[in-house]
Amino acid sequence: MYRIFLTVALLSLGYSARAESGLASYYGGRGHKGEMTCAHRTRALGTTVTVTYAGHSIQCRINDRGPFVRGRVIDVSVGAARALGMMRSGIVPVSVE
């Protein structure tokens, strides 16, 4: 019984580590104009994540650390923000996988 519980717990931890939800903002920093990049606190630099907002999904490469504002899970570049359709809002709820 203990092994089953441990297996289920480890599998659920692995899944929750890949997908997260929260607020996203955008920045005009690092990266070339129009490039789809983002900043994340813990995921490995150079990895690609899928960010989804209001039916729009993009893939962007993590090239920086951040955001450092409580409640935000990711900062995306201006190019990624345009592709997501979040330029007017500035801060939007997203899903990151």
N, C-alpha and C. Protein backbone atom coordinates (compact mmCIF):
# COMPACT_ATOMS: atom_id res chain seq x y z
N MET A 1 0.83 -1.20 0.00
CA MET A 1 0.00 0.00 0.00
C MET A 1 0.87 1.26 0.00
N TYR A 2 1.92 1.22 0.81
CA TYR A 2 2.82 2.37 0.90
C TYR A 2 3.48 2.65 -0.45
N ARG A 3 3.87 1.59 -1.16
CA ARG A 3 4.52 1.77 -2.47
C ARG A 3 3.57 2.41 -3.47
N ILE A 4 2.31 2.02 -3.45
CA ILE A 4 1.32 2.61 -4.36
C ILE A 4 1.16 4.09 -4.07
N PHE A 5 1.04 4.43 -2.79
CA PHE A 5 0.90 5.83 -2.40
C PHE A 5 2.12 6.63 -2.84
N LEU A 6 3.30 6.10 -2.61
CA LEU A 6 4.53 6.78 -2.98
C LEU A 6 4.62 6.97 -4.50
N THR A 7 4.25 5.97 -5.26
CA THR A 7 4.28 6.06 -6.71
C THR A 7 3.32 7.14 -7.22
N VAL A 8 2.11 7.15 -6.69
CA VAL A 8 1.13 8.16 -7.10
C VAL A 8 1.60 9.55 -6.73
N ALA A 9 2.17 9.70 -5.54
CA ALA A 9 2.67 11.00 -5.10
C ALA A 9 3.79 11.50 -6.00
N LEU A 10 4.73 10.62 -6.34
CA LEU A 10 5.84 11.02 -7.21
C LEU A 10 5.37 11.38 -8.61
N LEU A 11 4.42 10.62 -9.14
CA LEU A 11 3.89 10.93 -10.46
C LEU A 11 3.17 12.27 -10.47
N SER A 12 2.41 12.55 -9.44
CA SER A 12 1.69 13.83 -9.40
C SER A 12 2.64 14.99 -9.23
N LEU A 13 3.73 14.81 -8.50
CA LEU A 13 4.74 15.86 -8.38
C LEU A 13 5.40 16.13 -9.72
N GLY A 14 5.70 15.08 -10.46
CA GLY A 14 6.31 15.24 -11.78
C GLY A 14 5.41 15.99 -12.73
N TYR A 15 4.11 15.70 -12.70
CA TYR A 15 3.17 16.39 -13.57
C TYR A 15 3.03 17.85 -13.18
N SER A 16 2.91 18.13 -11.89
CA SER A 16 2.72 19.51 -11.47
C SER A 16 3.96 20.35 -11.70
N ALA A 17 5.12 19.73 -11.78
CA ALA A 17 6.35 20.47 -12.04
C ALA A 17 6.41 20.94 -13.49
N ARG A 18 5.69 20.25 -14.38
CA ARG A 18 5.73 20.63 -15.79
C ARG A 18 4.70 21.69 -16.13
N ALA A 19 3.53 21.64 -15.54
CA ALA A 19 2.46 22.57 -15.88
C ALA A 19 2.19 23.49 -14.69
N GLU A 20 2.02 24.77 -15.00
CA GLU A 20 1.69 25.73 -13.94
C GLU A 20 0.83 26.84 -14.52
N SER A 21 0.07 27.47 -13.66
CA SER A 21 -0.78 28.58 -14.07
C SER A 21 -0.49 29.77 -13.19
N GLY A 22 -0.70 30.94 -13.75
CA GLY A 22 -0.47 32.17 -13.00
C GLY A 22 -0.50 33.35 -13.93
N LEU A 23 0.03 34.46 -13.46
CA LEU A 23 0.03 35.69 -14.25
C LEU A 23 1.31 35.82 -15.06
N ALA A 24 1.15 36.39 -16.24
CA ALA A 24 2.30 36.68 -17.10
C ALA A 24 2.32 38.17 -17.42
N SER A 25 3.51 38.69 -17.58
CA SER A 25 3.69 40.07 -18.03
C SER A 25 4.70 40.02 -19.18
N TYR A 26 4.95 41.17 -19.80
CA TYR A 26 5.94 41.17 -20.87
C TYR A 26 7.01 42.21 -20.61
N TYR A 27 8.15 42.03 -21.23
CA TYR A 27 9.29 42.92 -21.03
C TYR A 27 9.94 43.21 -22.38
N GLY A 28 10.70 44.27 -22.44
CA GLY A 28 11.35 44.65 -23.68
C GLY A 28 12.84 44.39 -23.65
N GLY A 29 13.30 43.57 -22.73
CA GLY A 29 14.73 43.34 -22.53
C GLY A 29 15.35 42.40 -23.52
N ARG A 30 16.21 41.53 -23.03
CA ARG A 30 17.05 40.63 -23.82
C ARG A 30 16.33 39.96 -24.98
N GLY A 31 17.09 39.71 -26.03
CA GLY A 31 16.54 39.02 -27.19
C GLY A 31 16.46 39.96 -28.38
N HIS A 32 16.38 39.39 -29.55
CA HIS A 32 16.27 40.17 -30.77
C HIS A 32 14.82 40.56 -31.01
N LYS A 33 14.62 41.62 -31.76
CA LYS A 33 13.28 42.10 -32.04
C LYS A 33 12.43 41.00 -32.69
N GLY A 34 11.25 40.78 -32.12
CA GLY A 34 10.33 39.78 -32.66
C GLY A 34 10.60 38.37 -32.18
N GLU A 35 11.69 38.17 -31.44
CA GLU A 35 12.03 36.82 -30.99
C GLU A 35 11.09 36.39 -29.86
N MET A 36 10.74 35.10 -29.86
CA MET A 36 9.84 34.55 -28.85
C MET A 36 10.66 34.00 -27.70
N THR A 37 10.94 34.85 -26.72
CA THR A 37 11.71 34.43 -25.56
C THR A 37 10.93 34.77 -24.30
N CYS A 38 11.40 34.22 -23.18
CA CYS A 38 10.72 34.49 -21.91
C CYS A 38 11.69 34.33 -20.75
N ALA A 39 11.23 34.77 -19.58
CA ALA A 39 12.01 34.64 -18.35
C ALA A 39 11.20 33.81 -17.36
N HIS A 40 11.86 32.84 -16.74
CA HIS A 40 11.22 31.97 -15.75
C HIS A 40 12.18 31.79 -14.58
N ARG A 41 11.63 31.67 -13.37
CA ARG A 41 12.48 31.57 -12.19
C ARG A 41 13.29 30.28 -12.10
N THR A 42 12.67 29.14 -12.43
CA THR A 42 13.32 27.87 -12.11
C THR A 42 13.61 26.96 -13.29
N ARG A 43 12.91 27.07 -14.37
CA ARG A 43 13.14 26.16 -15.49
C ARG A 43 14.49 26.44 -16.13
N ALA A 44 15.06 25.41 -16.72
CA ALA A 44 16.41 25.50 -17.27
C ALA A 44 16.48 26.49 -18.43
N LEU A 45 17.55 27.28 -18.44
CA LEU A 45 17.76 28.23 -19.54
C LEU A 45 17.95 27.44 -20.83
N GLY A 46 17.37 27.96 -21.91
CA GLY A 46 17.48 27.32 -23.21
C GLY A 46 16.35 26.36 -23.52
N THR A 47 15.53 26.01 -22.53
CA THR A 47 14.41 25.11 -22.80
C THR A 47 13.24 25.87 -23.41
N THR A 48 12.38 25.14 -24.08
CA THR A 48 11.21 25.72 -24.73
C THR A 48 9.97 25.36 -23.93
N VAL A 49 9.12 26.34 -23.68
CA VAL A 49 7.86 26.12 -22.98
C VAL A 49 6.71 26.57 -23.86
N THR A 50 5.52 26.03 -23.60
CA THR A 50 4.31 26.45 -24.29
C THR A 50 3.52 27.33 -23.35
N VAL A 51 3.22 28.54 -23.78
CA VAL A 51 2.45 29.49 -22.99
C VAL A 51 1.10 29.67 -23.67
N THR A 52 0.01 29.53 -22.90
CA THR A 52 -1.34 29.62 -23.45
C THR A 52 -2.12 30.72 -22.74
N TYR A 53 -2.79 31.56 -23.55
CA TYR A 53 -3.65 32.62 -23.04
C TYR A 53 -4.81 32.81 -24.01
N ALA A 54 -6.03 32.74 -23.51
CA ALA A 54 -7.25 33.04 -24.27
C ALA A 54 -7.29 32.31 -25.62
N GLY A 55 -6.95 31.05 -25.61
CA GLY A 55 -7.02 30.26 -26.84
C GLY A 55 -5.82 30.39 -27.75
N HIS A 56 -4.87 31.24 -27.41
CA HIS A 56 -3.64 31.38 -28.20
C HIS A 56 -2.51 30.65 -27.47
N SER A 57 -1.77 29.85 -28.18
CA SER A 57 -0.61 29.16 -27.61
C SER A 57 0.62 29.48 -28.43
N ILE A 58 1.72 29.74 -27.73
CA ILE A 58 3.00 29.98 -28.39
C ILE A 58 4.06 29.13 -27.72
N GLN A 59 5.15 28.93 -28.42
CA GLN A 59 6.31 28.30 -27.83
C GLN A 59 7.40 29.35 -27.74
N CYS A 60 7.98 29.48 -26.56
CA CYS A 60 9.07 30.45 -26.41
C CYS A 60 10.22 29.81 -25.63
N ARG A 61 11.40 30.34 -25.88
CA ARG A 61 12.62 29.83 -25.28
C ARG A 61 12.96 30.64 -24.04
N ILE A 62 13.29 29.95 -22.96
CA ILE A 62 13.68 30.63 -21.72
C ILE A 62 15.12 31.09 -21.85
N ASN A 63 15.33 32.40 -21.75
CA ASN A 63 16.67 32.95 -21.89
C ASN A 63 17.06 33.87 -20.74
N ASP A 64 16.22 33.93 -19.70
CA ASP A 64 16.50 34.85 -18.59
C ASP A 64 15.80 34.34 -17.33
N ARG A 65 16.16 34.91 -16.20
CA ARG A 65 15.51 34.60 -14.93
C ARG A 65 14.51 35.70 -14.59
N GLY A 66 13.44 35.33 -13.94
CA GLY A 66 12.40 36.25 -13.55
C GLY A 66 11.08 35.56 -13.74
N PRO A 67 9.98 36.18 -13.54
CA PRO A 67 9.79 37.52 -13.00
C PRO A 67 10.01 37.53 -11.49
N PHE A 68 10.29 38.69 -10.98
CA PHE A 68 10.54 38.81 -9.55
C PHE A 68 9.43 39.59 -8.86
N VAL A 69 8.23 39.51 -9.41
CA VAL A 69 7.04 40.11 -8.83
C VAL A 69 6.15 38.98 -8.33
N ARG A 70 5.71 39.06 -7.11
CA ARG A 70 4.88 38.00 -6.52
C ARG A 70 3.63 37.74 -7.35
N GLY A 71 3.33 36.47 -7.57
CA GLY A 71 2.13 36.09 -8.30
C GLY A 71 2.34 35.90 -9.79
N ARG A 72 3.46 36.32 -10.31
CA ARG A 72 3.72 36.14 -11.75
C ARG A 72 4.59 34.91 -11.95
N VAL A 73 4.25 34.12 -12.96
CA VAL A 73 4.99 32.89 -13.21
C VAL A 73 5.96 33.01 -14.38
N ILE A 74 5.72 33.98 -15.28
CA ILE A 74 6.57 34.09 -16.46
C ILE A 74 6.50 35.52 -17.01
N ASP A 75 7.60 35.98 -17.56
CA ASP A 75 7.66 37.22 -18.32
C ASP A 75 7.97 36.83 -19.76
N VAL A 76 7.23 37.37 -20.71
CA VAL A 76 7.47 37.05 -22.12
C VAL A 76 7.99 38.29 -22.84
N SER A 77 8.69 38.06 -23.94
CA SER A 77 9.21 39.17 -24.74
C SER A 77 8.06 39.87 -25.46
N VAL A 78 8.33 41.03 -26.03
CA VAL A 78 7.31 41.79 -26.74
C VAL A 78 6.76 40.97 -27.92
N GLY A 79 7.63 40.28 -28.64
CA GLY A 79 7.18 39.46 -29.77
C GLY A 79 6.23 38.36 -29.32
N ALA A 80 6.55 37.72 -28.19
CA ALA A 80 5.68 36.67 -27.65
C ALA A 80 4.37 37.27 -27.14
N ALA A 81 4.44 38.44 -26.53
CA ALA A 81 3.23 39.10 -26.03
C ALA A 81 2.29 39.46 -27.19
N ARG A 82 2.85 39.92 -28.29
CA ARG A 82 2.03 40.23 -29.47
C ARG A 82 1.35 38.96 -30.00
N ALA A 83 2.11 37.87 -30.07
CA ALA A 83 1.55 36.61 -30.58
C ALA A 83 0.45 36.08 -29.66
N LEU A 84 0.56 36.33 -28.38
CA LEU A 84 -0.46 35.89 -27.43
C LEU A 84 -1.67 36.82 -27.39
N GLY A 85 -1.51 38.04 -27.88
CA GLY A 85 -2.61 39.01 -27.84
C GLY A 85 -2.78 39.66 -26.49
N MET A 86 -1.68 39.88 -25.79
CA MET A 86 -1.76 40.45 -24.44
C MET A 86 -1.19 41.87 -24.34
N MET A 87 -0.93 42.52 -25.46
CA MET A 87 -0.29 43.84 -25.43
C MET A 87 -1.15 44.90 -24.74
N ARG A 88 -2.44 44.87 -24.92
CA ARG A 88 -3.31 45.87 -24.29
C ARG A 88 -3.42 45.65 -22.78
N SER A 89 -3.54 44.40 -22.39
CA SER A 89 -3.75 44.08 -20.98
C SER A 89 -2.48 44.22 -20.16
N GLY A 90 -1.37 43.77 -20.70
CA GLY A 90 -0.10 43.87 -19.98
C GLY A 90 0.15 42.70 -19.05
N ILE A 91 -0.81 42.39 -18.21
CA ILE A 91 -0.70 41.27 -17.27
C ILE A 91 -1.92 40.39 -17.47
N VAL A 92 -1.71 39.11 -17.79
CA VAL A 92 -2.81 38.20 -18.10
C VAL A 92 -2.60 36.85 -17.43
N PRO A 93 -3.68 36.10 -17.19
CA PRO A 93 -3.55 34.75 -16.65
C PRO A 93 -3.16 33.77 -17.77
N VAL A 94 -2.14 32.96 -17.51
CA VAL A 94 -1.65 32.02 -18.52
C VAL A 94 -1.44 30.64 -17.91
N SER A 95 -1.24 29.69 -18.81
CA SER A 95 -0.84 28.34 -18.45
C SER A 95 0.51 28.10 -19.10
N VAL A 96 1.46 27.57 -18.35
CA VAL A 96 2.80 27.31 -18.85
C VAL A 96 3.07 25.81 -18.76
N GLU A 97 3.46 25.21 -19.89
CA GLU A 97 3.78 23.77 -19.91
C GLU A 97 5.13 23.56 -20.54
